Protein backbone atom coordinates (compact mmCIF):
# COMPACT_ATOMS: atom_id res chain seq x y z
CA MET A 1 147.89 -20.86 280.17
CA GLN A 2 147.31 -18.10 282.77
CA ILE A 3 146.76 -14.62 281.28
CA SER A 4 145.19 -11.32 282.29
CA ASN A 5 143.12 -10.52 279.20
CA LEU A 6 142.05 -12.95 276.49
CA ILE A 7 140.54 -11.63 273.26
CA ILE A 8 138.57 -14.13 271.18
CA GLY A 9 138.67 -13.17 267.51
CA ALA A 10 141.23 -11.43 265.31
CA GLY A 11 138.77 -9.52 263.17
CA PRO A 12 138.16 -5.73 263.30
CA ALA A 13 136.70 -5.73 266.83
CA GLY A 14 139.36 -7.99 268.30
CA LEU A 15 142.15 -6.02 266.64
CA ALA A 16 140.67 -2.73 267.87
CA VAL A 17 140.57 -3.95 271.48
CA ALA A 18 144.09 -5.32 271.19
CA GLY A 19 145.37 -2.07 269.68
CA ARG A 20 143.86 -0.05 272.52
CA MET A 21 145.35 -2.37 275.11
CA ARG A 22 148.77 -2.24 273.49
CA LYS A 23 148.58 1.56 273.47
CA GLN A 24 147.77 1.54 277.20
CA GLY A 25 150.41 -1.05 278.06
CA ILE A 26 147.83 -3.65 279.12
CA PRO A 27 148.89 -7.28 278.52
CA PHE A 28 146.67 -9.52 276.37
CA GLU A 29 146.55 -12.60 274.19
CA VAL A 30 144.38 -13.16 271.11
CA ILE A 31 143.00 -16.47 269.87
CA GLU A 32 141.52 -16.91 266.39
CA GLN A 33 139.73 -19.90 264.91
CA SER A 34 141.08 -19.39 261.38
CA ASP A 35 144.67 -19.12 260.23
CA VAL A 36 144.62 -15.46 259.13
CA ILE A 37 143.95 -11.94 260.41
CA ALA A 38 140.42 -10.68 259.53
CA SER A 39 139.31 -14.01 258.06
CA SER A 40 135.80 -12.80 257.15
CA TRP A 41 137.23 -10.04 254.99
CA HIS A 42 139.26 -12.58 253.07
CA GLN A 43 136.00 -14.37 252.18
CA HIS A 44 133.75 -11.47 251.15
CA TYR A 45 132.69 -10.97 247.54
CA GLU A 46 135.30 -9.39 245.31
CA ARG A 47 133.75 -6.01 244.50
CA LEU A 48 132.99 -5.14 248.11
CA CYS A 49 134.18 -1.75 249.36
CA LEU A 50 133.55 -0.02 252.65
CA HIS A 51 130.41 2.09 252.33
CA THR A 52 131.78 4.52 254.90
CA VAL A 53 134.57 7.00 254.22
CA LYS A 54 138.07 5.93 255.19
CA GLN A 55 138.68 8.81 257.63
CA LEU A 56 135.80 7.52 259.79
CA SER A 57 136.41 3.79 259.31
CA ASN A 58 139.89 3.11 260.68
CA LEU A 59 140.70 1.15 263.82
CA PRO A 60 141.98 3.01 266.91
CA HIS A 61 145.30 4.86 266.72
CA LEU A 62 146.12 4.08 263.08
CA ASP A 63 144.63 5.83 260.04
CA PHE A 64 144.21 4.21 256.67
CA PRO A 65 147.17 5.03 254.38
CA GLU A 66 146.77 8.32 252.51
CA HIS A 67 146.99 6.64 249.10
CA TYR A 68 143.96 4.42 249.81
CA PRO A 69 140.74 5.50 248.01
CA LEU A 70 137.93 7.22 249.89
CA TYR A 71 135.91 3.98 249.99
CA VAL A 72 138.43 1.26 250.77
CA PRO A 73 138.06 -1.99 248.78
CA ARG A 74 138.02 -5.42 250.40
CA ASN A 75 141.60 -6.40 249.56
CA GLN A 76 142.99 -3.15 251.00
CA VAL A 77 140.88 -3.56 254.15
CA VAL A 78 142.62 -6.91 254.62
CA GLU A 79 146.01 -5.32 253.91
CA TYR A 80 145.31 -2.56 256.43
CA MET A 81 144.25 -4.99 259.18
CA GLN A 82 147.32 -7.13 258.63
CA GLY A 83 149.41 -3.97 258.89
CA TYR A 84 147.52 -2.97 262.03
CA ALA A 85 148.41 -6.28 263.69
CA LYS A 86 152.04 -5.82 262.77
CA HIS A 87 152.09 -2.17 263.91
CA PHE A 88 150.78 -3.07 267.39
CA ASP A 89 152.61 -6.41 267.60
CA ILE A 90 149.37 -8.38 267.78
CA GLN A 91 150.25 -12.05 267.35
CA PRO A 92 147.12 -14.21 267.57
CA HIS A 93 147.18 -17.90 268.41
CA PHE A 94 145.67 -19.19 265.16
CA ASN A 95 143.53 -22.28 264.54
CA GLN A 96 142.03 -22.11 268.03
CA THR A 97 138.30 -22.79 268.05
CA VAL A 98 136.60 -22.10 271.39
CA GLU A 99 134.55 -25.03 272.63
CA PHE A 100 133.32 -23.55 275.91
CA ILE A 101 133.86 -20.76 278.45
CA SER A 102 133.25 -21.26 282.16
CA LYS A 103 133.44 -19.04 285.23
CA ASN A 104 135.79 -20.16 288.01
CA GLU A 105 135.35 -19.64 291.74
CA ALA A 106 138.41 -17.38 291.86
CA ASP A 107 136.74 -14.79 289.59
CA THR A 108 138.64 -16.03 286.57
CA TRP A 109 137.48 -17.67 283.36
CA THR A 110 138.49 -20.91 281.71
CA VAL A 111 138.41 -20.89 277.92
CA LYS A 112 138.81 -24.31 276.32
CA THR A 113 139.73 -24.79 272.67
CA GLN A 114 140.16 -28.06 270.82
CA ASP A 115 143.70 -28.52 272.13
CA LYS A 116 144.42 -25.83 274.73
CA SER A 117 143.02 -24.39 277.93
CA TYR A 118 143.35 -20.71 278.90
CA THR A 119 142.69 -19.17 282.30
CA ALA A 120 142.01 -15.43 282.10
CA THR A 121 140.96 -12.65 284.43
CA ASN A 122 138.98 -11.00 281.62
CA VAL A 123 137.60 -12.48 278.39
CA ILE A 124 136.61 -10.24 275.47
CA ILE A 125 134.43 -11.97 272.87
CA ALA A 126 134.97 -10.34 269.47
CA THR A 127 133.69 -13.02 267.12
CA GLY A 128 131.57 -10.73 264.92
CA MET A 129 127.87 -10.31 264.17
CA ASN A 130 127.85 -12.21 260.87
CA ARG A 131 130.20 -15.08 261.58
CA ILE A 132 127.59 -17.81 261.08
CA PRO A 133 125.49 -17.62 257.87
CA ASN A 134 121.74 -17.55 258.39
CA PHE A 135 120.03 -19.91 255.94
CA PRO A 136 116.27 -19.29 255.84
CA THR A 137 114.04 -22.15 254.74
CA PHE A 138 110.90 -21.93 252.63
CA GLU A 139 108.07 -24.34 251.92
CA GLY A 140 109.02 -26.70 249.10
CA GLN A 141 112.65 -25.60 249.08
CA LYS A 142 113.98 -29.17 249.22
CA ASN A 143 112.19 -29.94 245.92
CA PHE A 144 113.75 -26.98 244.09
CA GLU A 145 116.06 -28.12 241.28
CA GLY A 146 117.89 -24.82 240.85
CA THR A 147 121.00 -23.78 242.77
CA ILE A 148 120.67 -22.05 246.15
CA GLU A 149 123.75 -20.16 247.35
CA HIS A 150 124.23 -18.04 250.48
CA SER A 151 125.75 -14.58 249.97
CA ARG A 152 128.59 -15.64 252.28
CA PHE A 153 129.89 -17.84 249.47
CA TYR A 154 129.26 -15.45 246.57
CA LYS A 155 132.48 -14.16 245.00
CA ASN A 156 131.58 -12.68 241.61
CA ALA A 157 129.05 -12.93 238.79
CA LEU A 158 131.18 -15.05 236.46
CA ALA A 159 129.35 -18.34 237.10
CA HIS A 160 125.96 -16.62 236.70
CA LYS A 161 126.47 -14.85 233.37
CA GLY A 162 123.56 -15.45 231.01
CA LYS A 163 121.47 -17.06 233.76
CA LYS A 164 118.34 -15.99 235.60
CA VAL A 165 119.21 -15.18 239.23
CA LEU A 166 116.96 -14.28 242.16
CA VAL A 167 118.59 -12.44 245.06
CA ILE A 168 116.58 -12.83 248.27
CA GLY A 169 116.76 -9.81 250.56
CA MET A 170 117.68 -6.16 250.00
CA GLY A 171 120.14 -5.51 252.76
CA ASN A 172 123.48 -4.00 251.80
CA SER A 173 124.90 -7.33 250.63
CA GLY A 174 121.80 -8.29 248.67
CA ALA A 175 121.54 -4.89 246.99
CA GLU A 176 125.18 -4.87 245.94
CA ILE A 177 125.25 -8.49 244.79
CA ALA A 178 122.15 -7.83 242.67
CA LEU A 179 123.94 -4.85 241.13
CA ASP A 180 127.05 -6.94 240.49
CA LEU A 181 124.97 -9.61 238.77
CA CYS A 182 123.02 -7.26 236.52
CA GLU A 183 126.17 -5.40 235.50
CA ASN A 184 127.83 -8.65 234.50
CA GLY A 185 125.32 -10.37 232.28
CA ALA A 186 122.84 -12.05 234.62
CA GLU A 187 119.07 -11.62 234.35
CA THR A 188 118.56 -10.30 237.86
CA TYR A 189 115.57 -10.32 240.19
CA LEU A 190 115.40 -9.09 243.78
CA SER A 191 112.93 -10.40 246.37
CA VAL A 192 112.07 -7.76 248.99
CA ARG A 193 109.58 -8.84 251.65
CA GLY A 194 109.23 -5.65 253.71
CA PRO A 195 109.91 -1.90 253.96
CA ILE A 196 113.47 -0.68 253.49
CA SER A 197 115.51 2.27 254.72
CA LEU A 198 117.46 3.56 251.73
CA VAL A 199 120.14 6.27 251.55
CA PRO A 200 122.52 7.26 248.75
CA ARG A 201 126.22 6.77 249.43
CA ASP A 202 127.04 10.09 247.76
CA LEU A 203 125.04 13.19 246.94
CA ASN A 204 126.40 15.74 244.46
CA GLY A 205 129.86 14.23 244.82
CA ARG A 206 129.89 14.46 248.62
CA PRO A 207 129.64 11.45 250.94
CA VAL A 208 126.23 11.41 252.61
CA GLN A 209 127.90 10.15 255.79
CA LEU A 210 129.73 13.48 256.15
CA THR A 211 126.60 15.45 255.31
CA ALA A 212 124.64 13.49 257.94
CA LEU A 213 127.19 14.40 260.61
CA THR A 214 126.74 18.07 259.74
CA LEU A 215 122.94 17.80 259.77
CA ALA A 216 123.06 16.06 263.15
CA LYS A 217 124.34 19.29 264.69
CA ILE A 218 121.14 21.14 263.78
CA PRO A 219 118.91 21.31 266.90
CA PHE A 220 115.36 20.05 267.48
CA GLY A 221 115.74 17.14 265.03
CA LEU A 222 115.53 19.50 262.07
CA GLY A 223 118.62 17.93 260.53
CA ASP A 224 117.00 14.48 260.49
CA LYS A 225 113.86 15.87 258.88
CA LEU A 226 115.87 17.78 256.28
CA GLY A 227 117.93 14.70 255.48
CA ASN A 228 114.79 12.61 255.12
CA THR A 229 113.28 15.15 252.73
CA ILE A 230 116.44 15.24 250.60
CA ARG A 231 116.45 11.42 250.50
CA LYS A 232 112.86 11.32 249.24
CA ILE A 233 113.62 13.86 246.53
CA TYR A 234 116.76 11.98 245.46
CA PHE A 235 115.09 8.57 245.09
CA GLY A 236 111.61 9.72 244.15
CA ASN A 237 108.62 7.45 244.61
CA ILE A 238 110.20 4.01 245.03
CA GLN A 239 106.78 2.44 245.52
CA LYS A 240 106.39 2.56 241.73
CA TYR A 241 109.10 -0.08 241.56
CA GLY A 242 107.66 -2.43 244.16
CA LEU A 243 109.57 -1.07 247.15
CA GLU A 244 108.06 0.21 250.39
CA PRO A 245 110.07 2.94 252.18
CA ILE A 246 110.42 3.11 255.94
CA PRO A 247 108.98 6.56 256.74
CA VAL A 248 111.25 7.54 259.63
CA PRO A 249 114.74 9.00 259.02
CA PRO A 250 117.45 6.31 258.66
CA VAL A 251 119.35 7.54 261.73
CA ILE A 252 116.25 7.13 263.90
CA HIS A 253 115.49 3.71 262.43
CA LEU A 254 119.10 2.67 263.11
CA ARG A 255 118.90 3.92 266.69
CA ASP A 256 115.55 2.27 267.41
CA THR A 257 116.11 -1.08 265.67
CA GLY A 258 119.88 -1.45 265.25
CA LYS A 259 119.32 -2.08 261.54
CA THR A 260 121.72 -0.35 259.14
CA PRO A 261 120.08 1.40 256.16
CA VAL A 262 120.77 0.21 252.64
CA ILE A 263 123.54 2.46 251.36
CA ASP A 264 122.82 2.69 247.66
CA ILE A 265 125.70 2.65 245.17
CA GLY A 266 123.64 2.17 242.01
CA THR A 267 121.11 -0.59 242.71
CA MET A 268 118.17 1.83 242.74
CA LYS A 269 119.18 3.25 239.36
CA ALA A 270 119.36 -0.29 237.93
CA ILE A 271 115.88 -1.01 239.33
CA LYS A 272 114.47 2.12 237.72
CA GLN A 273 116.09 1.14 234.41
CA GLY A 274 114.50 -2.30 234.60
CA LYS A 275 117.85 -4.08 234.85
CA ILE A 276 116.86 -5.44 238.26
CA LYS A 277 113.24 -6.52 238.67
CA VAL A 278 111.76 -6.35 242.17
CA LYS A 279 109.59 -9.16 243.50
CA ARG A 280 107.75 -9.57 246.81
CA GLY A 281 108.56 -11.98 249.60
CA ILE A 282 108.64 -15.69 248.79
CA GLN A 283 105.57 -17.85 249.42
CA HIS A 284 107.01 -21.23 248.43
CA PHE A 285 109.27 -23.15 246.07
CA SER A 286 108.41 -25.85 243.56
CA ALA A 287 110.75 -27.89 241.37
CA HIS A 288 111.34 -25.21 238.75
CA LYS A 289 109.63 -22.12 240.15
CA VAL A 290 109.75 -19.65 243.02
CA HIS A 291 106.28 -18.41 243.96
CA PHE A 292 105.82 -14.98 245.53
CA LYS A 293 103.24 -13.63 247.95
CA GLY A 294 100.35 -11.59 246.61
CA VAL A 295 99.35 -11.57 242.96
CA GLN A 296 102.82 -11.47 241.44
CA PRO A 297 103.69 -14.19 238.93
CA HIS A 298 106.13 -16.91 239.79
CA PHE A 299 109.83 -16.94 238.98
CA ASP A 300 110.87 -19.66 236.51
CA VAL A 301 114.30 -21.25 236.78
């Protein structure tokens, strides 16, 4: 199949590129390895909402519907993206898994899937940053007799009610899953191996994202410093709870490392209340225990 522009992936990035091209009258085709629009969003855990406000989170040329809440939940994100595809007449070729891409002598590209071959002038890869789960391994893990589950496959806390659960990692997913577990009857622990950049989602009823945009207009970096000071006052001394803060402002840390700060929606409050207990990084596993670095006691299954 000879085409001008081939977009690989029908998630947010692929849809955004396709929407822009449709708006500009540029021809394109989209291929997608699953059988649905925005397949990753279909799979995320149930309570997930966007942590960014809807007016700054939409795809190009189409706002979220007015009746959607400020922080759009997972199911409505899916609904919006399906509507986006319909609005811009984006019709992906589903169930097409790319096996290889090669450059041709005629300055074109050949993209081979399991049953088709595409020749394109331009190829846009929009397969997402988190498409493939990263499973870390620890010493003794294969001897552990408890259940190990990646966050990719976590849906809700129902199966964990009344059980002792250790969440490894305090990124945005880990922090929110830990909160979901502790709010729904699980004895919850959180292993945090290094410093974290933590910001509240809202402050005095106002989204911090909007406040940060205002502070960014203040010259000489004073806005970043002011925001950092407010953040420290809001959370207090988190070292008392076993957490080490990253000292630089979150916006600078994001710029320098590409790492998104943890946008807190209640996890820190649960930690302070003792509903989530913080542990250090993992040293090793044994059959019925998880052992942590330093002098902390082990975690019994």
